[in-house]
Protein backbone atom coordinates (compact mmCIF):
# COMPACT_ATOMS: atom_id res chain seq x y z
CA MET A 1 8.45 -14.57 2.60
CA ILE A 2 4.83 -12.67 1.90
CA SER A 3 2.17 -13.25 -0.65
CA PRO A 4 0.43 -10.54 -2.00
CA GLN A 5 -2.90 -10.63 -1.13
CA GLN A 6 -1.63 -10.81 2.79
CA VAL A 7 0.87 -7.54 1.71
CA GLN A 8 -3.35 -6.14 0.79
CA GLU A 9 -5.48 -8.26 3.84
CA MET A 10 -2.61 -6.09 6.20
CA ILE A 11 -4.01 -2.59 4.32
CA LYS A 12 -7.45 -3.50 4.13
CA ALA A 13 -7.39 -3.98 7.43
CA GLU A 14 -5.89 -0.48 8.82
CA LEU A 15 -7.74 1.28 5.86
CA ALA A 16 -11.14 -0.42 5.39
CA ASP A 17 -12.42 1.58 1.83
CA ALA A 18 -8.69 1.01 0.27
CA LEU A 19 -8.63 -0.08 -2.83
CA VAL A 20 -5.57 -2.58 -2.92
CA GLN A 21 -3.03 -3.53 -5.81
CA VAL A 22 -0.41 -5.39 -5.53
CA GLN A 23 2.55 -6.37 -7.78
CA ASP A 24 5.16 -8.70 -6.45
CA LEU A 25 8.70 -7.22 -8.17
CA THR A 26 10.68 -10.05 -8.20
CA GLY A 27 9.09 -13.37 -7.72
CA GLY A 28 10.72 -12.99 -4.18
CA GLY A 29 7.75 -12.48 -2.00
CA ASP A 30 9.54 -9.63 -0.54
CA HIS A 31 10.10 -6.50 -3.62
CA TYR A 32 6.55 -4.66 -3.64
CA GLN A 33 5.21 -2.70 -5.13
CA VAL A 34 2.54 -1.04 -3.62
CA THR A 35 -0.51 1.34 -4.89
CA VAL A 36 -3.54 1.80 -2.80
CA VAL A 37 -7.00 4.75 -3.04
CA SER A 38 -8.35 5.13 0.33
CA SER A 39 -10.78 8.55 1.47
CA GLN A 40 -8.59 8.04 4.38
CA PHE A 41 -5.69 10.24 2.74
CA ALA A 42 -8.33 12.71 1.79
CA GLY A 43 -6.09 15.90 3.18
CA LYS A 44 -2.94 14.24 4.29
CA GLY A 45 0.21 15.11 2.62
CA LEU A 46 1.77 12.23 0.83
CA VAL A 47 3.89 11.60 3.76
CA GLN A 48 1.02 10.65 6.16
CA GLN A 49 -0.96 8.65 3.95
CA HIS A 50 3.05 6.86 3.49
CA GLN A 51 2.88 6.44 7.34
CA LEU A 52 -0.75 4.79 7.22
CA VAL A 53 0.47 2.69 4.73
CA TYR A 54 3.40 1.48 6.06
CA GLY A 55 1.51 1.44 9.79
CA ALA A 56 -0.92 -0.93 8.19
CA LEU A 57 2.68 -2.82 7.23
CA LYS A 58 4.48 -2.36 10.02
CA SER A 59 5.03 -6.78 11.08
CA ALA A 60 5.72 -7.43 7.96
CA MET A 61 8.70 -4.34 7.49
CA SER A 62 10.16 -4.76 10.71
CA SER A 63 10.88 -8.40 10.43
CA GLU A 64 11.77 -7.85 6.64
CA ALA A 65 9.36 -10.42 5.81
CA ILE A 66 9.34 -6.75 3.16
CA HIS A 67 12.24 -5.91 2.46
CA ALA A 68 11.91 -2.69 -0.30
CA LEU A 69 8.67 -1.16 -1.05
CA ALA A 70 7.96 0.63 -4.09
CA LEU A 71 4.72 3.30 -2.65
CA LYS A 72 1.70 4.89 -5.05
CA THR A 73 -1.46 6.27 -2.68
CA TYR A 74 -3.82 8.50 -3.62
CA THR A 75 -7.80 9.48 -2.73
CA PRO A 76 -10.80 8.72 -4.34
CA GLU A 77 -10.49 11.95 -6.43
CA ALA A 78 -6.88 11.84 -7.68
CA TRP A 79 -7.11 8.20 -8.41
CA GLN A 80 -9.66 9.10 -10.80
CA ASN A 81 -8.39 12.29 -13.00
CA ASN A 82 -5.10 9.64 -12.76
CA PRO A 83 -4.38 8.88 -16.10
CA GLN A 84 -3.60 4.96 -15.70
CA SER A 85 -6.55 4.19 -13.13
């Protein structure tokens, strides 16, 4: 099990400027929905953006501390234009 705070810290360690929102979907500490906003996503496709986040969470994903991850990534500009922001 991994806490939402730990997920956030792991992502911010790799993407220092990131705005990270973490939601535990089941209450079990292993199924998360994560929204990440970072300028490091600029010029990258969606798959590349997700790979950056997966890279930050690699140890938690490989040990199955995180079993499922729903991921949304945005550049700061895209986040400003997102009606959910």
